[in-house]
Every structure is written in structure tokens, then in C-alpha cells.
N, C-alpha and C. Protein backbone atom coordinates (compact mmCIF):
# COMPACT_ATOMS: atom_id res chain seq x y z
N UNK A 1 159.78 142.69 105.53
CA UNK A 1 159.29 141.68 104.59
C UNK A 1 157.76 141.73 104.57
N UNK A 2 157.19 141.75 103.38
CA UNK A 2 155.74 141.78 103.24
C UNK A 2 155.15 140.40 103.45
N UNK A 3 153.94 140.38 103.96
CA UNK A 3 153.24 139.12 104.15
C UNK A 3 152.08 139.03 103.18
N UNK A 4 151.50 137.84 103.08
CA UNK A 4 150.34 137.68 102.20
C UNK A 4 149.19 138.57 102.65
N UNK A 5 149.11 138.84 103.95
CA UNK A 5 148.09 139.75 104.46
C UNK A 5 148.32 141.16 103.93
N UNK A 6 149.58 141.58 103.88
CA UNK A 6 149.92 142.89 103.33
C UNK A 6 149.53 142.97 101.86
N UNK A 7 149.84 141.91 101.12
CA UNK A 7 149.52 141.89 99.69
C UNK A 7 148.01 141.95 99.48
N UNK A 8 147.28 141.21 100.30
CA UNK A 8 145.82 141.21 100.19
C UNK A 8 145.26 142.59 100.48
N UNK A 9 145.76 143.23 101.52
CA UNK A 9 145.30 144.57 101.87
C UNK A 9 145.60 145.56 100.75
N UNK A 10 146.78 145.42 100.14
CA UNK A 10 147.14 146.31 99.04
C UNK A 10 146.23 146.09 97.83
N UNK A 11 145.91 144.83 97.55
CA UNK A 11 144.99 144.52 96.45
C UNK A 11 143.62 145.13 96.71
N UNK A 12 143.11 144.94 97.91
CA UNK A 12 141.80 145.49 98.25
C UNK A 12 141.79 147.01 98.14
N UNK A 13 142.85 147.64 98.62
CA UNK A 13 142.96 149.10 98.54
C UNK A 13 142.97 149.56 97.08
N UNK A 14 143.72 148.85 96.26
CA UNK A 14 143.80 149.17 94.83
C UNK A 14 142.42 149.06 94.17
N UNK A 15 141.71 147.96 94.44
CA UNK A 15 140.41 147.75 93.81
C UNK A 15 139.36 148.72 94.34
N UNK A 16 139.40 149.02 95.62
CA UNK A 16 138.42 149.94 96.20
C UNK A 16 138.60 151.38 95.69
N UNK A 17 139.79 151.71 95.21
CA UNK A 17 140.04 153.05 94.70
C UNK A 17 139.45 153.26 93.30
N UNK A 18 139.03 152.17 92.67
CA UNK A 18 138.46 152.25 91.32
C UNK A 18 136.99 152.62 91.44
N UNK A 19 136.57 153.63 90.67
CA UNK A 19 135.23 154.18 90.90
C UNK A 19 134.20 153.89 89.82
N UNK A 20 134.54 153.09 88.81
CA UNK A 20 133.52 152.75 87.82
C UNK A 20 133.76 151.35 87.27
N UNK A 21 132.70 150.75 86.74
CA UNK A 21 132.74 149.36 86.29
C UNK A 21 133.73 149.15 85.16
N UNK A 22 133.81 150.07 84.23
CA UNK A 22 134.71 149.91 83.09
C UNK A 22 136.18 149.90 83.56
N UNK A 23 136.52 150.78 84.48
CA UNK A 23 137.88 150.82 85.01
C UNK A 23 138.18 149.57 85.84
N UNK A 24 137.19 149.10 86.59
CA UNK A 24 137.38 147.88 87.37
C UNK A 24 137.59 146.68 86.45
N UNK A 25 136.82 146.61 85.39
CA UNK A 25 136.99 145.53 84.41
C UNK A 25 138.39 145.56 83.82
N UNK A 26 138.88 146.75 83.47
CA UNK A 26 140.22 146.89 82.91
C UNK A 26 141.28 146.48 83.93
N UNK A 27 141.09 146.86 85.19
CA UNK A 27 142.04 146.50 86.24
C UNK A 27 142.07 144.99 86.44
N UNK A 28 140.91 144.36 86.48
CA UNK A 28 140.86 142.91 86.66
C UNK A 28 141.45 142.20 85.45
N UNK A 29 141.21 142.73 84.25
CA UNK A 29 141.81 142.16 83.04
C UNK A 29 143.33 142.20 83.11
N UNK A 30 143.87 143.26 83.70
CA UNK A 30 145.33 143.37 83.78
C UNK A 30 145.91 142.51 84.89
N UNK A 31 145.12 142.22 85.93
CA UNK A 31 145.60 141.45 87.07
C UNK A 31 145.43 139.94 86.89
N UNK A 32 144.40 139.54 86.17
CA UNK A 32 144.03 138.13 86.09
C UNK A 32 144.18 137.61 84.66
N UNK A 33 144.45 136.31 84.57
CA UNK A 33 144.39 135.69 83.25
C UNK A 33 142.91 135.56 82.88
N UNK A 34 142.60 135.37 81.61
CA UNK A 34 141.19 135.17 81.24
C UNK A 34 140.55 134.00 82.00
N UNK A 35 141.29 132.92 82.20
CA UNK A 35 140.75 131.76 82.92
C UNK A 35 140.47 132.09 84.38
N UNK A 36 141.36 132.86 85.01
CA UNK A 36 141.13 133.26 86.41
C UNK A 36 139.90 134.15 86.54
N UNK A 37 139.75 135.07 85.61
CA UNK A 37 138.60 135.97 85.62
C UNK A 37 137.30 135.17 85.49
N UNK A 38 137.28 134.20 84.59
CA UNK A 38 136.09 133.35 84.40
C UNK A 38 135.82 132.53 85.66
N UNK A 39 136.87 131.97 86.26
CA UNK A 39 136.69 131.16 87.48
C UNK A 39 136.11 131.99 88.62
N UNK A 40 136.59 133.19 88.81
CA UNK A 40 136.06 134.05 89.86
C UNK A 40 134.59 134.37 89.58
N UNK A 41 134.29 134.65 88.32
CA UNK A 41 132.91 134.94 87.94
C UNK A 41 132.01 133.75 88.20
N UNK A 42 132.50 132.55 87.90
CA UNK A 42 131.72 131.34 88.15
C UNK A 42 131.50 131.12 89.64
N UNK A 43 132.51 131.40 90.44
CA UNK A 43 132.35 131.24 91.90
C UNK A 43 131.29 132.18 92.45
N UNK A 44 131.22 133.37 91.92
CA UNK A 44 130.16 134.29 92.34
C UNK A 44 128.79 133.75 91.93
N UNK A 45 128.72 133.14 90.74
CA UNK A 45 127.46 132.54 90.30
C UNK A 45 127.08 131.36 91.18
N UNK A 46 128.08 130.60 91.64
CA UNK A 46 127.81 129.50 92.56
C UNK A 46 127.14 130.03 93.81
N UNK A 47 127.69 131.10 94.40
CA UNK A 47 127.09 131.70 95.60
C UNK A 47 125.66 132.15 95.32
N UNK A 48 125.46 132.81 94.19
CA UNK A 48 124.14 133.32 93.83
C UNK A 48 123.14 132.17 93.69
N UNK A 49 123.54 131.11 93.01
CA UNK A 49 122.64 129.98 92.79
C UNK A 49 122.37 129.21 94.08
N UNK A 50 123.39 129.07 94.93
CA UNK A 50 123.17 128.41 96.23
C UNK A 50 122.16 129.19 97.06
N UNK A 51 122.32 130.51 97.09
CA UNK A 51 121.38 131.36 97.85
C UNK A 51 119.96 131.24 97.31
N UNK A 52 119.84 130.98 96.01
CA UNK A 52 118.53 130.84 95.37
C UNK A 52 117.95 129.45 95.56
N UNK A 53 118.72 128.56 96.18
CA UNK A 53 118.22 127.22 96.46
C UNK A 53 118.40 126.21 95.35
N UNK A 54 119.23 126.53 94.37
CA UNK A 54 119.47 125.59 93.27
C UNK A 54 120.29 124.42 93.81
N UNK A 55 119.91 123.18 93.50
CA UNK A 55 120.67 122.02 93.96
C UNK A 55 122.12 122.06 93.46
N UNK A 56 123.02 121.55 94.29
CA UNK A 56 124.44 121.60 93.97
C UNK A 56 124.77 120.91 92.65
N UNK A 57 124.18 119.76 92.40
CA UNK A 57 124.47 119.05 91.14
C UNK A 57 124.01 119.86 89.92
N UNK A 58 122.89 120.53 90.05
CA UNK A 58 122.38 121.37 88.95
C UNK A 58 123.33 122.55 88.71
N UNK A 59 123.86 123.13 89.79
CA UNK A 59 124.81 124.23 89.66
C UNK A 59 126.06 123.75 88.92
N UNK A 60 126.60 122.61 89.33
CA UNK A 60 127.79 122.06 88.70
C UNK A 60 127.55 121.84 87.20
N UNK A 61 126.40 121.28 86.89
CA UNK A 61 126.06 121.00 85.49
C UNK A 61 125.89 122.30 84.69
N UNK A 62 125.18 123.26 85.26
CA UNK A 62 124.90 124.52 84.57
C UNK A 62 126.17 125.31 84.30
N UNK A 63 127.07 125.36 85.29
CA UNK A 63 128.27 126.17 85.17
C UNK A 63 129.47 125.42 84.60
N UNK A 64 129.33 124.11 84.45
CA UNK A 64 130.43 123.32 83.93
C UNK A 64 131.60 123.22 84.89
N UNK A 65 131.28 123.13 86.18
CA UNK A 65 132.31 122.98 87.22
C UNK A 65 132.09 121.66 87.94
N UNK A 66 133.09 121.25 88.68
CA UNK A 66 132.97 120.02 89.44
C UNK A 66 132.10 120.20 90.67
N UNK A 67 131.52 119.10 91.11
CA UNK A 67 130.69 119.14 92.31
C UNK A 67 131.51 119.57 93.52
N UNK A 68 132.81 119.23 93.53
CA UNK A 68 133.68 119.64 94.64
C UNK A 68 133.80 121.17 94.71
N UNK A 69 133.83 121.82 93.56
CA UNK A 69 133.89 123.28 93.52
C UNK A 69 132.63 123.89 94.11
N UNK A 70 131.49 123.30 93.77
CA UNK A 70 130.22 123.79 94.29
C UNK A 70 130.14 123.53 95.80
N UNK A 71 130.58 122.36 96.23
CA UNK A 71 130.57 122.02 97.65
C UNK A 71 131.46 122.97 98.44
N UNK A 72 132.62 123.30 97.88
CA UNK A 72 133.52 124.26 98.53
C UNK A 72 132.83 125.63 98.65
N UNK A 73 132.13 126.02 97.60
CA UNK A 73 131.39 127.28 97.64
C UNK A 73 130.30 127.25 98.71
N UNK A 74 129.63 126.11 98.84
CA UNK A 74 128.57 125.98 99.85
C UNK A 74 129.17 126.09 101.26
N UNK A 75 130.33 125.46 101.46
CA UNK A 75 130.99 125.56 102.78
C UNK A 75 131.40 126.99 103.06
N UNK A 76 131.96 127.68 102.08
CA UNK A 76 132.38 129.07 102.25
C UNK A 76 131.18 129.95 102.56
N UNK A 77 130.09 129.72 101.86
CA UNK A 77 128.88 130.50 102.07
C UNK A 77 128.33 130.24 103.46
N UNK A 78 128.36 128.98 103.88
CA UNK A 78 127.89 128.60 105.21
C UNK A 78 128.77 129.22 106.30
N UNK A 79 130.09 129.25 106.07
CA UNK A 79 131.01 129.85 107.04
C UNK A 79 130.75 131.35 107.17
N UNK A 80 130.40 132.01 106.06
CA UNK A 80 130.13 133.45 106.09
C UNK A 80 128.85 133.80 106.84
N UNK A 81 127.93 132.86 106.92
CA UNK A 81 126.65 133.15 107.58
C UNK A 81 126.69 132.85 109.07
N UNK A 82 127.79 132.29 109.56
CA UNK A 82 127.89 131.98 111.00
C UNK A 82 128.82 132.92 111.69
């Protein structure tokens, strides 16, 4: 029986085998709904803006996300740096 860890490893292996941006975009388009793709993109922007020192409320306003989403991103970013 496969586990979620197995599925994650398989996903990472699949994505890492893609060697150009256009093919990666096509793969992500086939794997994700348009809303999921946008959400992932926004989460990356949250990390980028947090690293740049943008206040959390400004990030939420700029990206049109909830403050809880930004706070979750800040916690994840903080966990990655420790």
C-alpha cells in the first residue's frame, strides 16, 4: 500500500525530471486546477514579500488573501530558517 510520503516522492521525482520552464508549466497545468496553480503562486509571493520585509497586512491586501494565509506563510518560513 502506498503512503502519502510515497506519493510526494513520486511527485517530486516527476517534477524534477522536467528540464524546461515550458514543460514544467504544462505539467503543472495538467496536475493542478487553475485555482490551485494561482494559490501556489500566491504562496510563493507571500514568502518573497515576507523575506523583503513587507508587513503582513500589506501582503494580504496586495495579494488578495486572508491575513491567516500570510501568517501561516510566516510560520512556515520561520520554521524553515530554524
